[in-house]
Amino acid sequence: MSEVSLHKVVKRYEGVEAVRGIDLTIGDKEFVVLVGPSGCGKSTLLKILAGAQPPDAGTIELDGAPIELSSPLDAQERG
């Protein structure tokens, strides 16, 4: 496992910000639960972390190094 960090990550759909500048760090072996109302961006954030959708802005880091996830397979290979 590794530490993953998101810095000011944004995802927009047709003018709507589904994810608004989120900052989040998930440490090695940490368990995280996303809770919120419908439409608040939980699934979108998971899709970004899984490599299924790229963020429109911001950075994703793995163990402090910036990464770009090109696909779910890419995300899986990186852990």
PDB file of N, CA and C in Angstrom:
ATOM      1  N   MET A   1       0.838  -1.180   0.000  1.00  0.00           N
ATOM      2  CA  MET A   1       0.000   0.000   0.000  1.00  0.00           C
ATOM      3  C   MET A   1       0.875   1.231   0.000  1.00  0.00           C
ATOM      4  N   SER A   2       0.265   2.330  -0.375  1.00  0.00           N
ATOM      5  CA  SER A   2       0.976   3.593  -0.456  1.00  0.00           C
ATOM      6  C   SER A   2       0.072   4.717   0.009  1.00  0.00           C
ATOM      7  N   GLU A   3       0.666   5.870   0.248  1.00  0.00           N
ATOM      8  CA  GLU A   3      -0.112   7.057   0.580  1.00  0.00           C
ATOM      9  C   GLU A   3      -0.541   7.743  -0.709  1.00  0.00           C
ATOM     10  N   VAL A   4      -1.810   8.105  -0.796  1.00  0.00           N
ATOM     11  CA  VAL A   4      -2.318   8.831  -1.954  1.00  0.00           C
ATOM     12  C   VAL A   4      -2.855  10.180  -1.476  1.00  0.00           C
ATOM     13  N   SER A   5      -2.529  11.230  -2.224  1.00  0.00           N
ATOM     14  CA  SER A   5      -2.975  12.579  -1.880  1.00  0.00           C
ATOM     15  C   SER A   5      -3.608  13.245  -3.086  1.00  0.00           C
ATOM     16  N   LEU A   6      -4.652  14.000  -2.827  1.00  0.00           N
ATOM     17  CA  LEU A   6      -5.289  14.824  -3.850  1.00  0.00           C
ATOM     18  C   LEU A   6      -5.129  16.272  -3.422  1.00  0.00           C
ATOM     19  N   HIS A   7      -4.756  17.121  -4.362  1.00  0.00           N
ATOM     20  CA  HIS A   7      -4.544  18.535  -4.074  1.00  0.00           C
ATOM     21  C   HIS A   7      -5.364  19.381  -5.038  1.00  0.00           C
ATOM     22  N   LYS A   8      -6.363  20.059  -4.495  1.00  0.00           N
ATOM     23  CA  LYS A   8      -7.213  20.973  -5.263  1.00  0.00           C
ATOM     24  C   LYS A   8      -7.816  20.305  -6.504  1.00  0.00           C
ATOM     25  N   VAL A   9      -8.254  19.051  -6.359  1.00  0.00           N
ATOM     26  CA  VAL A   9      -8.819  18.289  -7.474  1.00  0.00           C
ATOM     27  C   VAL A   9     -10.223  18.793  -7.801  1.00  0.00           C
ATOM     28  N   VAL A  10     -10.448  19.024  -9.101  1.00  0.00           N
ATOM     29  CA  VAL A  10     -11.726  19.536  -9.609  1.00  0.00           C
ATOM     30  C   VAL A  10     -12.186  18.653 -10.757  1.00  0.00           C
ATOM     31  N   LYS A  11     -13.495  18.394 -10.805  1.00  0.00           N
ATOM     32  CA  LYS A  11     -14.105  17.701 -11.945  1.00  0.00           C
ATOM     33  C   LYS A  11     -15.403  18.418 -12.283  1.00  0.00           C
ATOM     34  N   ARG A  12     -15.536  18.806 -13.570  1.00  0.00           N
ATOM     35  CA  ARG A  12     -16.723  19.531 -14.039  1.00  0.00           C
ATOM     36  C   ARG A  12     -17.451  18.718 -15.099  1.00  0.00           C
ATOM     37  N   TYR A  13     -18.768  18.852 -15.102  1.00  0.00           N
ATOM     38  CA  TYR A  13     -19.619  18.269 -16.143  1.00  0.00           C
ATOM     39  C   TYR A  13     -20.558  19.357 -16.631  1.00  0.00           C
ATOM     40  N   GLU A  14     -20.422  19.744 -17.881  1.00  0.00           N
ATOM     41  CA  GLU A  14     -21.311  20.733 -18.501  1.00  0.00           C
ATOM     42  C   GLU A  14     -21.578  21.928 -17.585  1.00  0.00           C
ATOM     43  N   GLY A  15     -20.508  22.501 -17.054  1.00  0.00           N
ATOM     44  CA  GLY A  15     -20.626  23.695 -16.235  1.00  0.00           C
ATOM     45  C   GLY A  15     -20.927  23.452 -14.767  1.00  0.00           C
ATOM     46  N   VAL A  16     -21.142  22.213 -14.365  1.00  0.00           N
ATOM     47  CA  VAL A  16     -21.414  21.883 -12.967  1.00  0.00           C
ATOM     48  C   VAL A  16     -20.155  21.280 -12.351  1.00  0.00           C
ATOM     49  N   GLU A  17     -19.735  21.819 -11.223  1.00  0.00           N
ATOM     50  CA  GLU A  17     -18.570  21.257 -10.533  1.00  0.00           C
ATOM     51  C   GLU A  17     -19.022  20.095  -9.652  1.00  0.00           C
ATOM     52  N   ALA A  18     -18.694  18.884 -10.070  1.00  0.00           N
ATOM     53  CA  ALA A  18     -19.046  17.692  -9.290  1.00  0.00           C
ATOM     54  C   ALA A  18     -18.089  17.517  -8.118  1.00  0.00           C
ATOM     55  N   VAL A  19     -16.834  17.880  -8.322  1.00  0.00           N
ATOM     56  CA  VAL A  19     -15.814  17.856  -7.266  1.00  0.00           C
ATOM     57  C   VAL A  19     -15.178  19.235  -7.265  1.00  0.00           C
ATOM     58  N   ARG A  20     -15.181  19.888  -6.115  1.00  0.00           N
ATOM     59  CA  ARG A  20     -14.738  21.286  -6.025  1.00  0.00           C
ATOM     60  C   ARG A  20     -13.468  21.446  -5.206  1.00  0.00           C
ATOM     61  N   GLY A  21     -12.347  21.363  -5.837  1.00  0.00           N
ATOM     62  CA  GLY A  21     -11.077  21.681  -5.186  1.00  0.00           C
ATOM     63  C   GLY A  21     -10.786  20.881  -3.929  1.00  0.00           C
ATOM     64  N   ILE A  22     -10.986  19.581  -3.989  1.00  0.00           N
ATOM     65  CA  ILE A  22     -10.803  18.750  -2.796  1.00  0.00           C
ATOM     66  C   ILE A  22      -9.324  18.520  -2.493  1.00  0.00           C
ATOM     67  N   ASP A  23      -9.012  18.575  -1.212  1.00  0.00           N
ATOM     68  CA  ASP A  23      -7.696  18.215  -0.689  1.00  0.00           C
ATOM     69  C   ASP A  23      -7.915  17.033   0.244  1.00  0.00           C
ATOM     70  N   LEU A  24      -7.200  15.949  -0.002  1.00  0.00           N
ATOM     71  CA  LEU A  24      -7.399  14.730   0.782  1.00  0.00           C
ATOM     72  C   LEU A  24      -6.118  13.912   0.763  1.00  0.00           C
ATOM     73  N   THR A  25      -5.746  13.381   1.909  1.00  0.00           N
ATOM     74  CA  THR A  25      -4.626  12.446   1.990  1.00  0.00           C
ATOM     75  C   THR A  25      -5.112  11.182   2.676  1.00  0.00           C
ATOM     76  N   ILE A  26      -4.853  10.050   2.028  1.00  0.00           N
ATOM     77  CA  ILE A  26      -5.199   8.746   2.586  1.00  0.00           C
ATOM     78  C   ILE A  26      -3.884   8.022   2.831  1.00  0.00           C
ATOM     79  N   GLY A  27      -3.583   7.806   4.091  1.00  0.00           N
ATOM     80  CA  GLY A  27      -2.317   7.191   4.465  1.00  0.00           C
ATOM     81  C   GLY A  27      -2.290   5.694   4.224  1.00  0.00           C
ATOM     82  N   ASP A  28      -1.100   5.155   4.245  1.00  0.00           N
ATOM     83  CA  ASP A  28      -0.883   3.719   4.090  1.00  0.00           C
ATOM     84  C   ASP A  28      -1.720   2.953   5.115  1.00  0.00           C
ATOM     85  N   LYS A  29      -2.501   1.992   4.653  1.00  0.00           N
ATOM     86  CA  LYS A  29      -3.335   1.112   5.471  1.00  0.00           C
ATOM     87  C   LYS A  29      -4.500   1.822   6.151  1.00  0.00           C
ATOM     88  N   GLU A  30      -4.802   3.066   5.781  1.00  0.00           N
ATOM     89  CA  GLU A  30      -5.972   3.753   6.325  1.00  0.00           C
ATOM     90  C   GLU A  30      -7.233   3.278   5.618  1.00  0.00           C
ATOM     91  N   PHE A  31      -8.324   3.264   6.342  1.00  0.00           N
ATOM     92  CA  PHE A  31      -9.637   2.907   5.819  1.00  0.00           C
ATOM     93  C   PHE A  31     -10.448   4.190   5.755  1.00  0.00           C
ATOM     94  N   VAL A  32     -11.019   4.492   4.592  1.00  0.00           N
ATOM     95  CA  VAL A  32     -11.740   5.747   4.399  1.00  0.00           C
ATOM     96  C   VAL A  32     -13.154   5.460   3.921  1.00  0.00           C
ATOM     97  N   VAL A  33     -14.106   6.205   4.461  1.00  0.00           N
ATOM     98  CA  VAL A  33     -15.502   6.108   4.049  1.00  0.00           C
ATOM     99  C   VAL A  33     -15.941   7.482   3.568  1.00  0.00           C
ATOM    100  N   LEU A  34     -16.569   7.532   2.387  1.00  0.00           N
ATOM    101  CA  LEU A  34     -17.113   8.782   1.863  1.00  0.00           C
ATOM    102  C   LEU A  34     -18.615   8.796   2.117  1.00  0.00           C
ATOM    103  N   VAL A  35     -19.079   9.808   2.824  1.00  0.00           N
ATOM    104  CA  VAL A  35     -20.489   9.922   3.169  1.00  0.00           C
ATOM    105  C   VAL A  35     -20.977  11.297   2.743  1.00  0.00           C
ATOM    106  N   GLY A  36     -22.157  11.349   2.149  1.00  0.00           N
ATOM    107  CA  GLY A  36     -22.739  12.625   1.769  1.00  0.00           C
ATOM    108  C   GLY A  36     -24.010  12.413   0.982  1.00  0.00           C
ATOM    109  N   PRO A  37     -24.737  13.489   0.740  1.00  0.00           N
ATOM    110  CA  PRO A  37     -26.001  13.380   0.013  1.00  0.00           C
ATOM    111  C   PRO A  37     -25.790  13.059  -1.462  1.00  0.00           C
ATOM    112  N   SER A  38     -26.843  12.644  -2.102  1.00  0.00           N
ATOM    113  CA  SER A  38     -26.822  12.363  -3.535  1.00  0.00           C
ATOM    114  C   SER A  38     -26.343  13.590  -4.297  1.00  0.00           C
ATOM    115  N   GLY A  39     -25.440  13.367  -5.248  1.00  0.00           N
ATOM    116  CA  GLY A  39     -24.967  14.460  -6.089  1.00  0.00           C
ATOM    117  C   GLY A  39     -23.831  15.279  -5.524  1.00  0.00           C
ATOM    118  N   CYS A  40     -23.226  14.847  -4.414  1.00  0.00           N
ATOM    119  CA  CYS A  40     -22.164  15.660  -3.810  1.00  0.00           C
ATOM    120  C   CYS A  40     -20.772  15.329  -4.331  1.00  0.00           C
ATOM    121  N   GLY A  41     -20.640  14.297  -5.212  1.00  0.00           N
ATOM    122  CA  GLY A  41     -19.352  14.017  -5.826  1.00  0.00           C
ATOM    123  C   GLY A  41     -18.631  12.777  -5.325  1.00  0.00           C
ATOM    124  N   LYS A  42     -19.274  11.978  -4.488  1.00  0.00           N
ATOM    125  CA  LYS A  42     -18.619  10.774  -3.947  1.00  0.00           C
ATOM    126  C   LYS A  42     -18.190   9.816  -5.054  1.00  0.00           C
ATOM    127  N   SER A  43     -19.115   9.461  -5.924  1.00  0.00           N
ATOM    128  CA  SER A  43     -18.808   8.514  -7.011  1.00  0.00           C
ATOM    129  C   SER A  43     -17.805   9.101  -7.988  1.00  0.00           C
ATOM    130  N   THR A  44     -17.926  10.378  -8.266  1.00  0.00           N
ATOM    131  CA  THR A  44     -16.986  11.037  -9.172  1.00  0.00           C
ATOM    132  C   THR A  44     -15.574  10.991  -8.601  1.00  0.00           C
ATOM    133  N   LEU A  45     -15.441  11.251  -7.317  1.00  0.00           N
ATOM    134  CA  LEU A  45     -14.129  11.196  -6.674  1.00  0.00           C
ATOM    135  C   LEU A  45     -13.544   9.787  -6.761  1.00  0.00           C
ATOM    136  N   LEU A  46     -14.367   8.772  -6.531  1.00  0.00           N
ATOM    137  CA  LEU A  46     -13.885   7.391  -6.637  1.00  0.00           C
ATOM    138  C   LEU A  46     -13.469   7.056  -8.066  1.00  0.00           C
ATOM    139  N   LYS A  47     -14.197   7.569  -9.053  1.00  0.00           N
ATOM    140  CA  LYS A  47     -13.834   7.333 -10.457  1.00  0.00           C
ATOM    141  C   LYS A  47     -12.493   7.984 -10.788  1.00  0.00           C
ATOM    142  N   ILE A  48     -12.235   9.153 -10.221  1.00  0.00           N
ATOM    143  CA  ILE A  48     -10.947   9.822 -10.427  1.00  0.00           C
ATOM    144  C   ILE A  48      -9.828   8.985  -9.809  1.00  0.00           C
ATOM    145  N   LEU A  49     -10.038   8.526  -8.576  1.00  0.00           N
ATOM    146  CA  LEU A  49      -9.019   7.714  -7.901  1.00  0.00           C
ATOM    147  C   LEU A  49      -8.797   6.373  -8.587  1.00  0.00           C
ATOM    148  N   ALA A  50      -9.841   5.855  -9.236  1.00  0.00           N
ATOM    149  CA  ALA A  50      -9.732   4.568  -9.935  1.00  0.00           C
ATOM    150  C   ALA A  50      -9.160   4.711 -11.338  1.00  0.00           C
ATOM    151  N   GLY A  51      -8.946   5.941 -11.798  1.00  0.00           N
ATOM    152  CA  GLY A  51      -8.397   6.160 -13.131  1.00  0.00           C
ATOM    153  C   GLY A  51      -9.425   6.111 -14.241  1.00  0.00           C
ATOM    154  N   ALA A  52     -10.718   6.009 -13.891  1.00  0.00           N
ATOM    155  CA  ALA A  52     -11.774   5.940 -14.906  1.00  0.00           C
ATOM    156  C   ALA A  52     -12.078   7.303 -15.512  1.00  0.00           C
ATOM    157  N   GLN A  53     -11.813   8.376 -14.762  1.00  0.00           N
ATOM    158  CA  GLN A  53     -12.013   9.738 -15.253  1.00  0.00           C
ATOM    159  C   GLN A  53     -10.857  10.603 -14.773  1.00  0.00           C
ATOM    160  N   PRO A  54     -10.321  11.439 -15.644  1.00  0.00           N
ATOM    161  CA  PRO A  54      -9.253  12.339 -15.205  1.00  0.00           C
ATOM    162  C   PRO A  54      -9.840  13.568 -14.514  1.00  0.00           C
ATOM    163  N   PRO A  55      -9.114  14.144 -13.568  1.00  0.00           N
ATOM    164  CA  PRO A  55      -9.578  15.411 -12.998  1.00  0.00           C
ATOM    165  C   PRO A  55      -9.401  16.532 -14.017  1.00  0.00           C
ATOM    166  N   ASP A  56     -10.226  17.557 -13.925  1.00  0.00           N
ATOM    167  CA  ASP A  56     -10.083  18.722 -14.798  1.00  0.00           C
ATOM    168  C   ASP A  56      -9.014  19.681 -14.280  1.00  0.00           C
ATOM    169  N   ALA A  57      -8.740  19.619 -12.998  1.00  0.00           N
ATOM    170  CA  ALA A  57      -7.706  20.460 -12.387  1.00  0.00           C
ATOM    171  C   ALA A  57      -7.209  19.755 -11.134  1.00  0.00           C
ATOM    172  N   GLY A  58      -6.062  20.197 -10.651  1.00  0.00           N
ATOM    173  CA  GLY A  58      -5.495  19.635  -9.441  1.00  0.00           C
ATOM    174  C   GLY A  58      -4.522  18.509  -9.731  1.00  0.00           C
ATOM    175  N   THR A  59      -3.961  17.967  -8.659  1.00  0.00           N
ATOM    176  CA  THR A  59      -2.968  16.905  -8.802  1.00  0.00           C
ATOM    177  C   THR A  59      -3.292  15.728  -7.886  1.00  0.00           C
ATOM    178  N   ILE A  60      -2.846  14.565  -8.333  1.00  0.00           N
ATOM    179  CA  ILE A  60      -2.909  13.345  -7.535  1.00  0.00           C
ATOM    180  C   ILE A  60      -1.469  12.914  -7.309  1.00  0.00           C
ATOM    181  N   GLU A  61      -1.148  12.578  -6.065  1.00  0.00           N
ATOM    182  CA  GLU A  61       0.205  12.131  -5.735  1.00  0.00           C
ATOM    183  C   GLU A  61       0.159  10.748  -5.116  1.00  0.00           C
ATOM    184  N   LEU A  62       1.141   9.946  -5.444  1.00  0.00           N
ATOM    185  CA  LEU A  62       1.325   8.631  -4.845  1.00  0.00           C
ATOM    186  C   LEU A  62       2.677   8.649  -4.150  1.00  0.00           C
ATOM    187  N   ASP A  63       2.660   8.514  -2.840  1.00  0.00           N
ATOM    188  CA  ASP A  63       3.879   8.605  -2.027  1.00  0.00           C
ATOM    189  C   ASP A  63       4.656   9.891  -2.306  1.00  0.00           C
ATOM    190  N   GLY A  64       3.934  10.991  -2.487  1.00  0.00           N
ATOM    191  CA  GLY A  64       4.548  12.299  -2.670  1.00  0.00           C
ATOM    192  C   GLY A  64       4.955  12.652  -4.080  1.00  0.00           C
ATOM    193  N   ALA A  65       4.807  11.721  -5.022  1.00  0.00           N
ATOM    194  CA  ALA A  65       5.178  11.978  -6.419  1.00  0.00           C
ATOM    195  C   ALA A  65       3.913  12.155  -7.263  1.00  0.00           C
ATOM    196  N   PRO A  66       3.829  13.237  -8.041  1.00  0.00           N
ATOM    197  CA  PRO A  66       2.648  13.454  -8.891  1.00  0.00           C
ATOM    198  C   PRO A  66       2.476  12.322  -9.905  1.00  0.00           C
ATOM    199  N   ILE A  67       1.225  11.906 -10.102  1.00  0.00           N
ATOM    200  CA  ILE A  67       0.920  10.868 -11.084  1.00  0.00           C
ATOM    201  C   ILE A  67      -0.283  11.289 -11.921  1.00  0.00           C
ATOM    202  N   GLU A  68      -0.399  10.711 -13.106  1.00  0.00           N
ATOM    203  CA  GLU A  68      -1.582  10.854 -13.947  1.00  0.00           C
ATOM    204  C   GLU A  68      -2.073   9.448 -14.236  1.00  0.00           C
ATOM    205  N   LEU A  69      -3.310   9.177 -13.874  1.00  0.00           N
ATOM    206  CA  LEU A  69      -3.884   7.852 -14.093  1.00  0.00           C
ATOM    207  C   LEU A  69      -4.597   7.840 -15.435  1.00  0.00           C
ATOM    208  N   SER A  70      -4.143   6.987 -16.336  1.00  0.00           N
ATOM    209  CA  SER A  70      -4.699   6.967 -17.690  1.00  0.00           C
ATOM    210  C   SER A  70      -5.846   5.977 -17.854  1.00  0.00           C
ATOM    211  N   SER A  71      -5.993   5.057 -16.899  1.00  0.00           N
ATOM    212  CA  SER A  71      -7.052   4.048 -16.997  1.00  0.00           C
ATOM    213  C   SER A  71      -7.191   3.340 -15.650  1.00  0.00           C
ATOM    214  N   PRO A  72      -8.280   2.599 -15.468  1.00  0.00           N
ATOM    215  CA  PRO A  72      -8.391   1.803 -14.245  1.00  0.00           C
ATOM    216  C   PRO A  72      -7.254   0.784 -14.103  1.00  0.00           C
ATOM    217  N   LEU A  73      -6.798   0.219 -15.206  1.00  0.00           N
ATOM    218  CA  LEU A  73      -5.679  -0.722 -15.152  1.00  0.00           C
ATOM    219  C   LEU A  73      -4.416  -0.028 -14.644  1.00  0.00           C
ATOM    220  N   ASP A  74      -4.187   1.194 -15.104  1.00  0.00           N
ATOM    221  CA  ASP A  74      -3.044   1.984 -14.644  1.00  0.00           C
ATOM    222  C   ASP A  74      -3.132   2.200 -13.134  1.00  0.00           C
ATOM    223  N   ALA A  75      -4.311   2.563 -12.645  1.00  0.00           N
ATOM    224  CA  ALA A  75      -4.501   2.776 -11.207  1.00  0.00           C
ATOM    225  C   ALA A  75      -4.261   1.490 -10.432  1.00  0.00           C
ATOM    226  N   GLN A  76      -4.755   0.373 -10.948  1.00  0.00           N
ATOM    227  CA  GLN A  76      -4.589  -0.914 -10.281  1.00  0.00           C
ATOM    228  C   GLN A  76      -3.113  -1.306 -10.210  1.00  0.00           C
ATOM    229  N   GLU A  77      -2.379  -1.093 -11.286  1.00  0.00           N
ATOM    230  CA  GLU A  77      -0.957  -1.441 -11.310  1.00  0.00           C
ATOM    231  C   GLU A  77      -0.142  -0.609 -10.329  1.00  0.00           C
ATOM    232  N   ARG A  78      -0.588   0.618 -10.075  1.00  0.00           N
ATOM    233  CA  ARG A  78       0.126   1.494  -9.136  1.00  0.00           C
ATOM    234  C   ARG A  78      -0.245   1.214  -7.682  1.00  0.00           C
ATOM    235  N   GLY A  79      -1.299   0.436  -7.489  1.00  0.00           N
ATOM    236  CA  GLY A  79      -1.693   0.057  -6.135  1.00  0.00           C
ATOM    237  C   GLY A  79      -2.737   0.940  -5.564  1.00  0.00           C
TER     238      GLY A  79
END
